[in-house]
Amino acid sequence: MEKNYEDNAKIIKAMSDPSRLRIIDILSCGQKCACDLLEYFNFTQPTLSHHMKVLMDCGIVECKKDGLWSYYSLNNANCNKHILFLMNLITDKDDCICKVKSNLECK
């Protein structure tokens, strides 16, 4: 399995903000419009837009426009890929980087 460190680091950086983690948690319940998301926070619409842009740029969140309304949802395929990346990073010893690089067994 190819490990894409750059893309996954971008996701980890995006998720390192508590507000963005909360947005992900809210969206795990299903699609929400921006006005619904704002009800959970004490910040402005431009601040929400900034957070959503960061989450969309790393592929965790998708946006669908319907007239003036923006509806956000999790990109489940990309979320699952990221979870698998993290699981393999920690637990996959058959594809361990030290074995690949030097053919040594990990301890």
PDB file of N, CA and C in Angstrom:
ATOM      1  N   MET A   1       0.840  -1.187   0.000  1.00  0.00           N
ATOM      2  CA  MET A   1       0.000   0.000   0.000  1.00  0.00           C
ATOM      3  C   MET A   1       0.878   1.242   0.000  1.00  0.00           C
ATOM      4  N   GLU A   2       0.657   2.122  -0.930  1.00  0.00           N
ATOM      5  CA  GLU A   2       1.400   3.376  -1.012  1.00  0.00           C
ATOM      6  C   GLU A   2       0.965   4.306   0.110  1.00  0.00           C
ATOM      7  N   LYS A   3       1.908   4.790   0.865  1.00  0.00           N
ATOM      8  CA  LYS A   3       1.606   5.709   1.966  1.00  0.00           C
ATOM      9  C   LYS A   3       1.810   7.131   1.482  1.00  0.00           C
ATOM     10  N   ASN A   4       0.745   7.883   1.452  1.00  0.00           N
ATOM     11  CA  ASN A   4       0.808   9.259   1.005  1.00  0.00           C
ATOM     12  C   ASN A   4       0.929  10.173   2.221  1.00  0.00           C
ATOM     13  N   TYR A   5       2.152  10.417   2.644  1.00  0.00           N
ATOM     14  CA  TYR A   5       2.396  11.190   3.854  1.00  0.00           C
ATOM     15  C   TYR A   5       1.944  12.643   3.718  1.00  0.00           C
ATOM     16  N   GLU A   6       2.183  13.257   2.565  1.00  0.00           N
ATOM     17  CA  GLU A   6       1.827  14.669   2.396  1.00  0.00           C
ATOM     18  C   GLU A   6       0.329  14.918   2.513  1.00  0.00           C
ATOM     19  N   ASP A   7      -0.470  14.149   1.784  1.00  0.00           N
ATOM     20  CA  ASP A   7      -1.925  14.331   1.838  1.00  0.00           C
ATOM     21  C   ASP A   7      -2.468  14.054   3.231  1.00  0.00           C
ATOM     22  N   ASN A   8      -1.960  13.010   3.866  1.00  0.00           N
ATOM     23  CA  ASN A   8      -2.439  12.678   5.203  1.00  0.00           C
ATOM     24  C   ASN A   8      -1.978  13.687   6.244  1.00  0.00           C
ATOM     25  N   ALA A   9      -0.799  14.251   6.083  1.00  0.00           N
ATOM     26  CA  ALA A   9      -0.345  15.309   6.993  1.00  0.00           C
ATOM     27  C   ALA A   9      -1.239  16.543   6.854  1.00  0.00           C
ATOM     28  N   LYS A  10      -1.661  16.832   5.639  1.00  0.00           N
ATOM     29  CA  LYS A  10      -2.571  17.959   5.412  1.00  0.00           C
ATOM     30  C   LYS A  10      -3.904  17.738   6.134  1.00  0.00           C
ATOM     31  N   ILE A  11      -4.391  16.508   6.106  1.00  0.00           N
ATOM     32  CA  ILE A  11      -5.634  16.169   6.803  1.00  0.00           C
ATOM     33  C   ILE A  11      -5.435  16.291   8.313  1.00  0.00           C
ATOM     34  N   ILE A  12      -4.330  15.762   8.815  1.00  0.00           N
ATOM     35  CA  ILE A  12      -4.059  15.838  10.252  1.00  0.00           C
ATOM     36  C   ILE A  12      -3.957  17.293  10.694  1.00  0.00           C
ATOM     37  N   LYS A  13      -3.293  18.114   9.902  1.00  0.00           N
ATOM     38  CA  LYS A  13      -3.171  19.539  10.237  1.00  0.00           C
ATOM     39  C   LYS A  13      -4.548  20.201  10.252  1.00  0.00           C
ATOM     40  N   ALA A  14      -5.380  19.882   9.267  1.00  0.00           N
ATOM     41  CA  ALA A  14      -6.733  20.459   9.221  1.00  0.00           C
ATOM     42  C   ALA A  14      -7.548  20.032  10.434  1.00  0.00           C
ATOM     43  N   MET A  15      -7.365  18.791  10.865  1.00  0.00           N
ATOM     44  CA  MET A  15      -8.136  18.262  11.981  1.00  0.00           C
ATOM     45  C   MET A  15      -7.563  18.660  13.342  1.00  0.00           C
ATOM     46  N   SER A  16      -6.422  19.345  13.357  1.00  0.00           N
ATOM     47  CA  SER A  16      -5.801  19.716  14.631  1.00  0.00           C
ATOM     48  C   SER A  16      -6.496  20.894  15.316  1.00  0.00           C
ATOM     49  N   ASP A  17      -7.459  21.490  14.643  1.00  0.00           N
ATOM     50  CA  ASP A  17      -8.217  22.600  15.224  1.00  0.00           C
ATOM     51  C   ASP A  17      -9.472  22.049  15.913  1.00  0.00           C
ATOM     52  N   PRO A  18      -9.717  22.411  17.170  1.00  0.00           N
ATOM     53  CA  PRO A  18     -10.889  21.889  17.882  1.00  0.00           C
ATOM     54  C   PRO A  18     -12.219  22.202  17.199  1.00  0.00           C
ATOM     55  N   SER A  19     -12.345  23.369  16.593  1.00  0.00           N
ATOM     56  CA  SER A  19     -13.591  23.714  15.904  1.00  0.00           C
ATOM     57  C   SER A  19     -13.813  22.820  14.694  1.00  0.00           C
ATOM     58  N   ARG A  20     -12.736  22.507  13.989  1.00  0.00           N
ATOM     59  CA  ARG A  20     -12.871  21.630  12.817  1.00  0.00           C
ATOM     60  C   ARG A  20     -13.208  20.207  13.236  1.00  0.00           C
ATOM     61  N   LEU A  21     -12.642  19.747  14.335  1.00  0.00           N
ATOM     62  CA  LEU A  21     -13.008  18.427  14.845  1.00  0.00           C
ATOM     63  C   LEU A  21     -14.493  18.396  15.213  1.00  0.00           C
ATOM     64  N   ARG A  22     -14.959  19.467  15.805  1.00  0.00           N
ATOM     65  CA  ARG A  22     -16.379  19.549  16.170  1.00  0.00           C
ATOM     66  C   ARG A  22     -17.257  19.552  14.919  1.00  0.00           C
ATOM     67  N   ILE A  23     -16.825  20.264  13.877  1.00  0.00           N
ATOM     68  CA  ILE A  23     -17.568  20.281  12.607  1.00  0.00           C
ATOM     69  C   ILE A  23     -17.659  18.865  12.045  1.00  0.00           C
ATOM     70  N   ILE A  24     -16.549  18.141  12.063  1.00  0.00           N
ATOM     71  CA  ILE A  24     -16.538  16.756  11.576  1.00  0.00           C
ATOM     72  C   ILE A  24     -17.501  15.908  12.391  1.00  0.00           C
ATOM     73  N   ASP A  25     -17.495  16.089  13.691  1.00  0.00           N
ATOM     74  CA  ASP A  25     -18.397  15.351  14.560  1.00  0.00           C
ATOM     75  C   ASP A  25     -19.858  15.659  14.213  1.00  0.00           C
ATOM     76  N   ILE A  26     -20.178  16.912  14.009  1.00  0.00           N
ATOM     77  CA  ILE A  26     -21.543  17.320  13.646  1.00  0.00           C
ATOM     78  C   ILE A  26     -21.934  16.712  12.299  1.00  0.00           C
ATOM     79  N   LEU A  27     -21.026  16.779  11.323  1.00  0.00           N
ATOM     80  CA  LEU A  27     -21.325  16.254   9.992  1.00  0.00           C
ATOM     81  C   LEU A  27     -21.401  14.727   9.970  1.00  0.00           C
ATOM     82  N   SER A  28     -20.868  14.075  10.996  1.00  0.00           N
ATOM     83  CA  SER A  28     -20.976  12.617  11.050  1.00  0.00           C
ATOM     84  C   SER A  28     -22.439  12.189  11.226  1.00  0.00           C
ATOM     85  N   CYS A  29     -23.290  13.122  11.651  1.00  0.00           N
ATOM     86  CA  CYS A  29     -24.732  12.850  11.796  1.00  0.00           C
ATOM     87  C   CYS A  29     -25.472  13.033  10.479  1.00  0.00           C
ATOM     88  N   GLY A  30     -24.807  13.618   9.480  1.00  0.00           N
ATOM     89  CA  GLY A  30     -25.430  13.837   8.180  1.00  0.00           C
ATOM     90  C   GLY A  30     -25.200  15.245   7.672  1.00  0.00           C
ATOM     91  N   GLN A  31     -25.653  15.479   6.473  1.00  0.00           N
ATOM     92  CA  GLN A  31     -25.483  16.756   5.780  1.00  0.00           C
ATOM     93  C   GLN A  31     -26.110  17.907   6.567  1.00  0.00           C
ATOM     94  N   LYS A  32     -25.416  19.042   6.585  1.00  0.00           N
ATOM     95  CA  LYS A  32     -25.912  20.241   7.264  1.00  0.00           C
ATOM     96  C   LYS A  32     -25.643  21.462   6.397  1.00  0.00           C
ATOM     97  N   CYS A  33     -26.538  22.438   6.480  1.00  0.00           N
ATOM     98  CA  CYS A  33     -26.276  23.706   5.800  1.00  0.00           C
ATOM     99  C   CYS A  33     -25.429  24.577   6.740  1.00  0.00           C
ATOM    100  N   ALA A  34     -24.814  25.598   6.175  1.00  0.00           N
ATOM    101  CA  ALA A  34     -23.941  26.471   6.954  1.00  0.00           C
ATOM    102  C   ALA A  34     -24.694  27.100   8.121  1.00  0.00           C
ATOM    103  N   CYS A  35     -25.938  27.488   7.893  1.00  0.00           N
ATOM    104  CA  CYS A  35     -26.708  28.128   8.963  1.00  0.00           C
ATOM    105  C   CYS A  35     -26.920  27.165  10.132  1.00  0.00           C
ATOM    106  N   ASP A  36     -27.112  25.882   9.851  1.00  0.00           N
ATOM    107  CA  ASP A  36     -27.255  24.888  10.924  1.00  0.00           C
ATOM    108  C   ASP A  36     -25.944  24.701  11.681  1.00  0.00           C
ATOM    109  N   LEU A  37     -24.834  24.680  10.953  1.00  0.00           N
ATOM    110  CA  LEU A  37     -23.534  24.529  11.603  1.00  0.00           C
ATOM    111  C   LEU A  37     -23.229  25.699  12.526  1.00  0.00           C
ATOM    112  N   LEU A  38     -23.589  26.892  12.104  1.00  0.00           N
ATOM    113  CA  LEU A  38     -23.303  28.089  12.901  1.00  0.00           C
ATOM    114  C   LEU A  38     -23.978  28.047  14.266  1.00  0.00           C
ATOM    115  N   GLU A  39     -25.081  27.340  14.382  1.00  0.00           N
ATOM    116  CA  GLU A  39     -25.789  27.249  15.660  1.00  0.00           C
ATOM    117  C   GLU A  39     -24.949  26.582  16.751  1.00  0.00           C
ATOM    118  N   TYR A  40     -23.952  25.805  16.356  1.00  0.00           N
ATOM    119  CA  TYR A  40     -23.111  25.092  17.306  1.00  0.00           C
ATOM    120  C   TYR A  40     -21.902  25.903  17.770  1.00  0.00           C
ATOM    121  N   PHE A  41     -21.694  27.081  17.171  1.00  0.00           N
ATOM    122  CA  PHE A  41     -20.474  27.843  17.427  1.00  0.00           C
ATOM    123  C   PHE A  41     -20.790  29.292  17.781  1.00  0.00           C
ATOM    124  N   ASN A  42     -19.814  29.912  18.388  1.00  0.00           N
ATOM    125  CA  ASN A  42     -19.919  31.325  18.719  1.00  0.00           C
ATOM    126  C   ASN A  42     -18.928  32.108  17.848  1.00  0.00           C
ATOM    127  N   PHE A  43     -19.019  31.883  16.529  1.00  0.00           N
ATOM    128  CA  PHE A  43     -18.210  32.670  15.605  1.00  0.00           C
ATOM    129  C   PHE A  43     -19.028  33.037  14.376  1.00  0.00           C
ATOM    130  N   THR A  44     -18.445  33.867  13.537  1.00  0.00           N
ATOM    131  CA  THR A  44     -19.165  34.449  12.403  1.00  0.00           C
ATOM    132  C   THR A  44     -19.183  33.501  11.203  1.00  0.00           C
ATOM    133  N   GLN A  45     -20.024  33.834  10.247  1.00  0.00           N
ATOM    134  CA  GLN A  45     -20.117  33.060   9.009  1.00  0.00           C
ATOM    135  C   GLN A  45     -18.793  33.048   8.257  1.00  0.00           C
ATOM    136  N   PRO A  46     -18.066  34.189   8.159  1.00  0.00           N
ATOM    137  CA  PRO A  46     -16.758  34.129   7.483  1.00  0.00           C
ATOM    138  C   PRO A  46     -15.762  33.176   8.166  1.00  0.00           C
ATOM    139  N   THR A  47     -15.824  33.093   9.483  1.00  0.00           N
ATOM    140  CA  THR A  47     -14.952  32.151  10.195  1.00  0.00           C
ATOM    141  C   THR A  47     -15.340  30.717   9.868  1.00  0.00           C
ATOM    142  N   LEU A  48     -16.639  30.446   9.840  1.00  0.00           N
ATOM    143  CA  LEU A  48     -17.101  29.114   9.445  1.00  0.00           C
ATOM    144  C   LEU A  48     -16.642  28.800   8.024  1.00  0.00           C
ATOM    145  N   SER A  49     -16.776  29.760   7.129  1.00  0.00           N
ATOM    146  CA  SER A  49     -16.345  29.556   5.736  1.00  0.00           C
ATOM    147  C   SER A  49     -14.872  29.194   5.659  1.00  0.00           C
ATOM    148  N   HIS A  50     -14.057  29.853   6.478  1.00  0.00           N
ATOM    149  CA  HIS A  50     -12.622  29.549   6.498  1.00  0.00           C
ATOM    150  C   HIS A  50     -12.401  28.087   6.929  1.00  0.00           C
ATOM    151  N   HIS A  51     -13.058  27.678   8.024  1.00  0.00           N
ATOM    152  CA  HIS A  51     -12.906  26.303   8.500  1.00  0.00           C
ATOM    153  C   HIS A  51     -13.376  25.299   7.442  1.00  0.00           C
ATOM    154  N   MET A  52     -14.481  25.600   6.787  1.00  0.00           N
ATOM    155  CA  MET A  52     -15.009  24.683   5.779  1.00  0.00           C
ATOM    156  C   MET A  52     -14.066  24.588   4.590  1.00  0.00           C
ATOM    157  N   LYS A  53     -13.460  25.697   4.212  1.00  0.00           N
ATOM    158  CA  LYS A  53     -12.511  25.690   3.091  1.00  0.00           C
ATOM    159  C   LYS A  53     -11.313  24.797   3.408  1.00  0.00           C
ATOM    160  N   VAL A  54     -10.809  24.888   4.627  1.00  0.00           N
ATOM    161  CA  VAL A  54      -9.676  24.051   5.025  1.00  0.00           C
ATOM    162  C   VAL A  54     -10.070  22.579   4.956  1.00  0.00           C
ATOM    163  N   LEU A  55     -11.255  22.244   5.461  1.00  0.00           N
ATOM    164  CA  LEU A  55     -11.714  20.846   5.450  1.00  0.00           C
ATOM    165  C   LEU A  55     -12.003  20.356   4.032  1.00  0.00           C
ATOM    166  N   MET A  56     -12.494  21.241   3.175  1.00  0.00           N
ATOM    167  CA  MET A  56     -12.750  20.849   1.783  1.00  0.00           C
ATOM    168  C   MET A  56     -11.439  20.701   1.012  1.00  0.00           C
ATOM    169  N   ASP A  57     -10.478  21.588   1.267  1.00  0.00           N
ATOM    170  CA  ASP A  57      -9.197  21.532   0.559  1.00  0.00           C
ATOM    171  C   ASP A  57      -8.442  20.234   0.821  1.00  0.00           C
ATOM    172  N   CYS A  58      -8.636  19.648   1.995  1.00  0.00           N
ATOM    173  CA  CYS A  58      -7.948  18.382   2.274  1.00  0.00           C
ATOM    174  C   CYS A  58      -8.827  17.182   1.941  1.00  0.00           C
ATOM    175  N   GLY A  59     -10.045  17.427   1.448  1.00  0.00           N
ATOM    176  CA  GLY A  59     -10.886  16.345   0.951  1.00  0.00           C
ATOM    177  C   GLY A  59     -11.754  15.648   1.982  1.00  0.00           C
ATOM    178  N   ILE A  60     -11.821  16.168   3.193  1.00  0.00           N
ATOM    179  CA  ILE A  60     -12.620  15.538   4.247  1.00  0.00           C
ATOM    180  C   ILE A  60     -14.099  15.928   4.136  1.00  0.00           C
ATOM    181  N   VAL A  61     -14.362  17.142   3.667  1.00  0.00           N
ATOM    182  CA  VAL A  61     -15.734  17.653   3.570  1.00  0.00           C
ATOM    183  C   VAL A  61     -16.040  18.009   2.121  1.00  0.00           C
ATOM    184  N   GLU A  62     -17.296  17.768   1.732  1.00  0.00           N
ATOM    185  CA  GLU A  62     -17.796  18.151   0.408  1.00  0.00           C
ATOM    186  C   GLU A  62     -18.876  19.212   0.585  1.00  0.00           C
ATOM    187  N   CYS A  63     -19.050  20.024  -0.441  1.00  0.00           N
ATOM    188  CA  CYS A  63     -20.061  21.076  -0.412  1.00  0.00           C
ATOM    189  C   CYS A  63     -20.918  20.975  -1.663  1.00  0.00           C
ATOM    190  N   LYS A  64     -22.231  21.073  -1.444  1.00  0.00           N
ATOM    191  CA  LYS A  64     -23.178  21.146  -2.562  1.00  0.00           C
ATOM    192  C   LYS A  64     -23.944  22.449  -2.435  1.00  0.00           C
ATOM    193  N   LYS A  65     -23.998  23.180  -3.527  1.00  0.00           N
ATOM    194  CA  LYS A  65     -24.725  24.452  -3.552  1.00  0.00           C
ATOM    195  C   LYS A  65     -26.138  24.207  -4.056  1.00  0.00           C
ATOM    196  N   ASP A  66     -27.088  24.875  -3.420  1.00  0.00           N
ATOM    197  CA  ASP A  66     -28.491  24.849  -3.856  1.00  0.00           C
ATOM    198  C   ASP A  66     -28.996  26.279  -3.749  1.00  0.00           C
ATOM    199  N   GLY A  67     -28.889  26.998  -4.845  1.00  0.00           N
ATOM    200  CA  GLY A  67     -29.237  28.419  -4.820  1.00  0.00           C
ATOM    201  C   GLY A  67     -28.249  29.171  -3.957  1.00  0.00           C
ATOM    202  N   LEU A  68     -28.752  29.857  -2.938  1.00  0.00           N
ATOM    203  CA  LEU A  68     -27.887  30.610  -2.035  1.00  0.00           C
ATOM    204  C   LEU A  68     -27.347  29.762  -0.883  1.00  0.00           C
ATOM    205  N   TRP A  69     -27.848  28.547  -0.764  1.00  0.00           N
ATOM    206  CA  TRP A  69     -27.493  27.702   0.367  1.00  0.00           C
ATOM    207  C   TRP A  69     -26.332  26.771   0.037  1.00  0.00           C
ATOM    208  N   SER A  70     -25.469  26.557   1.026  1.00  0.00           N
ATOM    209  CA  SER A  70     -24.371  25.598   0.917  1.00  0.00           C
ATOM    210  C   SER A  70     -24.629  24.468   1.898  1.00  0.00           C
ATOM    211  N   TYR A  71     -24.596  23.243   1.391  1.00  0.00           N
ATOM    212  CA  TYR A  71     -24.805  22.062   2.221  1.00  0.00           C
ATOM    213  C   TYR A  71     -23.509  21.269   2.295  1.00  0.00           C
ATOM    214  N   TYR A  72     -23.101  20.974   3.512  1.00  0.00           N
ATOM    215  CA  TYR A  72     -21.836  20.295   3.746  1.00  0.00           C
ATOM    216  C   TYR A  72     -22.066  18.871   4.235  1.00  0.00           C
ATOM    217  N   SER A  73     -21.190  17.981   3.799  1.00  0.00           N
ATOM    218  CA  SER A  73     -21.232  16.597   4.263  1.00  0.00           C
ATOM    219  C   SER A  73     -19.812  16.046   4.281  1.00  0.00           C
ATOM    220  N   LEU A  74     -19.626  14.963   5.033  1.00  0.00           N
ATOM    221  CA  LEU A  74     -18.324  14.307   5.052  1.00  0.00           C
ATOM    222  C   LEU A  74     -18.125  13.536   3.756  1.00  0.00           C
ATOM    223  N   ASN A  75     -16.899  13.535   3.271  1.00  0.00           N
ATOM    224  CA  ASN A  75     -16.524  12.681   2.153  1.00  0.00           C
ATOM    225  C   ASN A  75     -16.094  11.352   2.776  1.00  0.00           C
ATOM    226  N   ASN A  76     -17.050  10.433   2.894  1.00  0.00           N
ATOM    227  CA  ASN A  76     -16.797   9.188   3.619  1.00  0.00           C
ATOM    228  C   ASN A  76     -15.656   8.374   3.031  1.00  0.00           C
ATOM    229  N   ALA A  77     -15.523   8.378   1.716  1.00  0.00           N
ATOM    230  CA  ALA A  77     -14.437   7.608   1.088  1.00  0.00           C
ATOM    231  C   ALA A  77     -13.080   8.138   1.544  1.00  0.00           C
ATOM    232  N   ASN A  78     -12.898   9.456   1.529  1.00  0.00           N
ATOM    233  CA  ASN A  78     -11.625  10.038   1.957  1.00  0.00           C
ATOM    234  C   ASN A  78     -11.406   9.886   3.460  1.00  0.00           C
ATOM    235  N   CYS A  79     -12.469   9.992   4.240  1.00  0.00           N
ATOM    236  CA  CYS A  79     -12.350   9.771   5.690  1.00  0.00           C
ATOM    237  C   CYS A  79     -11.888   8.351   5.969  1.00  0.00           C
ATOM    238  N   ASN A  80     -12.475   7.395   5.273  1.00  0.00           N
ATOM    239  CA  ASN A  80     -12.091   5.993   5.466  1.00  0.00           C
ATOM    240  C   ASN A  80     -10.651   5.738   5.045  1.00  0.00           C
ATOM    241  N   LYS A  81     -10.216   6.343   3.936  1.00  0.00           N
ATOM    242  CA  LYS A  81      -8.823   6.196   3.497  1.00  0.00           C
ATOM    243  C   LYS A  81      -7.865   6.732   4.561  1.00  0.00           C
ATOM    244  N   HIS A  82      -8.233   7.866   5.170  1.00  0.00           N
ATOM    245  CA  HIS A  82      -7.371   8.461   6.194  1.00  0.00           C
ATOM    246  C   HIS A  82      -7.306   7.571   7.441  1.00  0.00           C
ATOM    247  N   ILE A  83      -8.432   7.029   7.829  1.00  0.00           N
ATOM    248  CA  ILE A  83      -8.462   6.123   8.985  1.00  0.00           C
ATOM    249  C   ILE A  83      -7.594   4.898   8.708  1.00  0.00           C
ATOM    250  N   LEU A  84      -7.704   4.342   7.508  1.00  0.00           N
ATOM    251  CA  LEU A  84      -6.872   3.187   7.150  1.00  0.00           C
ATOM    252  C   LEU A  84      -5.393   3.542   7.144  1.00  0.00           C
ATOM    253  N   PHE A  85      -5.073   4.739   6.646  1.00  0.00           N
ATOM    254  CA  PHE A  85      -3.680   5.194   6.653  1.00  0.00           C
ATOM    255  C   PHE A  85      -3.141   5.201   8.079  1.00  0.00           C
ATOM    256  N   LEU A  86      -3.907   5.801   9.001  1.00  0.00           N
ATOM    257  CA  LEU A  86      -3.455   5.879  10.391  1.00  0.00           C
ATOM    258  C   LEU A  86      -3.336   4.495  11.021  1.00  0.00           C
ATOM    259  N   MET A  87      -4.303   3.634  10.761  1.00  0.00           N
ATOM    260  CA  MET A  87      -4.242   2.268  11.302  1.00  0.00           C
ATOM    261  C   MET A  87      -3.022   1.528  10.777  1.00  0.00           C
ATOM    262  N   ASN A  88      -2.760   1.636   9.478  1.00  0.00           N
ATOM    263  CA  ASN A  88      -1.612   0.946   8.885  1.00  0.00           C
ATOM    264  C   ASN A  88      -0.293   1.537   9.353  1.00  0.00           C
ATOM    265  N   LEU A  89      -0.279   2.819   9.590  1.00  0.00           N
ATOM    266  CA  LEU A  89       0.928   3.493  10.064  1.00  0.00           C
ATOM    267  C   LEU A  89       1.351   2.941  11.417  1.00  0.00           C
ATOM    268  N   ILE A  90       0.379   2.644  12.239  1.00  0.00           N
ATOM    269  CA  ILE A  90       0.649   2.203  13.605  1.00  0.00           C
ATOM    270  C   ILE A  90       0.748   0.686  13.721  1.00  0.00           C
ATOM    271  N   THR A  91      -0.033  -0.056  12.931  1.00  0.00           N
ATOM    272  CA  THR A  91      -0.134  -1.490  13.174  1.00  0.00           C
ATOM    273  C   THR A  91       0.433  -2.381  12.073  1.00  0.00           C
ATOM    274  N   ASP A  92       0.630  -1.902  10.866  1.00  0.00           N
ATOM    275  CA  ASP A  92       0.998  -2.773   9.746  1.00  0.00           C
ATOM    276  C   ASP A  92       2.504  -3.043   9.745  1.00  0.00           C
ATOM    277  N   LYS A  93       2.902  -4.198  10.226  1.00  0.00           N
ATOM    278  CA  LYS A  93       4.322  -4.533  10.283  1.00  0.00           C
ATOM    279  C   LYS A  93       4.821  -5.210   9.011  1.00  0.00           C
ATOM    280  N   ASP A  94       3.935  -5.752   8.166  1.00  0.00           N
ATOM    281  CA  ASP A  94       4.368  -6.370   6.918  1.00  0.00           C
ATOM    282  C   ASP A  94       4.877  -5.318   5.932  1.00  0.00           C
ATOM    283  N   ASP A  95       4.336  -4.119   6.025  1.00  0.00           N
ATOM    284  CA  ASP A  95       4.700  -3.043   5.106  1.00  0.00           C
ATOM    285  C   ASP A  95       5.444  -1.935   5.849  1.00  0.00           C
ATOM    286  N   CYS A  96       6.129  -2.313   6.904  1.00  0.00           N
ATOM    287  CA  CYS A  96       6.818  -1.340   7.750  1.00  0.00           C
ATOM    288  C   CYS A  96       7.921  -0.636   6.958  1.00  0.00           C
ATOM    289  N   ILE A  97       8.048   0.653   7.154  1.00  0.00           N
ATOM    290  CA  ILE A  97       9.020   1.451   6.403  1.00  0.00           C
ATOM    291  C   ILE A  97      10.452   0.983   6.653  1.00  0.00           C
ATOM    292  N   CYS A  98      10.748   0.521   7.854  1.00  0.00           N
ATOM    293  CA  CYS A  98      12.122   0.077   8.116  1.00  0.00           C
ATOM    294  C   CYS A  98      12.441  -1.218   7.373  1.00  0.00           C
ATOM    295  N   LYS A  99      11.441  -2.059   7.140  1.00  0.00           N
ATOM    296  CA  LYS A  99      11.665  -3.280   6.358  1.00  0.00           C
ATOM    297  C   LYS A  99      11.855  -2.941   4.887  1.00  0.00           C
ATOM    298  N   VAL A 100      11.042  -2.046   4.413  1.00  0.00           N
ATOM    299  CA  VAL A 100      11.122  -1.658   3.009  1.00  0.00           C
ATOM    300  C   VAL A 100      12.450  -0.984   2.716  1.00  0.00           C
ATOM    301  N   LYS A 101      12.888  -0.112   3.597  1.00  0.00           N
ATOM    302  CA  LYS A 101      14.107   0.680   3.377  1.00  0.00           C
ATOM    303  C   LYS A 101      15.381  -0.149   3.526  1.00  0.00           C
ATOM    304  N   SER A 102      15.421  -0.998   4.553  1.00  0.00           N
ATOM    305  CA  SER A 102      16.689  -1.691   4.812  1.00  0.00           C
ATOM    306  C   SER A 102      16.563  -3.197   4.948  1.00  0.00           C
ATOM    307  N   ASN A 103      15.359  -3.730   4.694  1.00  0.00           N
ATOM    308  CA  ASN A 103      15.105  -5.166   4.823  1.00  0.00           C
ATOM    309  C   ASN A 103      15.410  -5.684   6.229  1.00  0.00           C
ATOM    310  N   LEU A 104      15.306  -4.828   7.227  1.00  0.00           N
ATOM    311  CA  LEU A 104      15.483  -5.235   8.617  1.00  0.00           C
ATOM    312  C   LEU A 104      14.108  -5.472   9.238  1.00  0.00           C
ATOM    313  N   GLU A 105      14.054  -6.340  10.211  1.00  0.00           N
ATOM    314  CA  GLU A 105      12.800  -6.593  10.901  1.00  0.00           C
ATOM    315  C   GLU A 105      12.579  -5.538  11.963  1.00  0.00           C
ATOM    316  N   CYS A 106      11.344  -5.028  12.038  1.00  0.00           N
ATOM    317  CA  CYS A 106      11.015  -4.040  13.063  1.00  0.00           C
ATOM    318  C   CYS A 106      10.965  -4.685  14.428  1.00  0.00           C
ATOM    319  N   LYS A 107      11.303  -3.917  15.415  1.00  0.00           N
ATOM    320  CA  LYS A 107      11.244  -4.410  16.794  1.00  0.00           C
ATOM    321  C   LYS A 107      10.021  -3.880  17.465  1.00  0.00           C
TER     322      LYS A 107
END
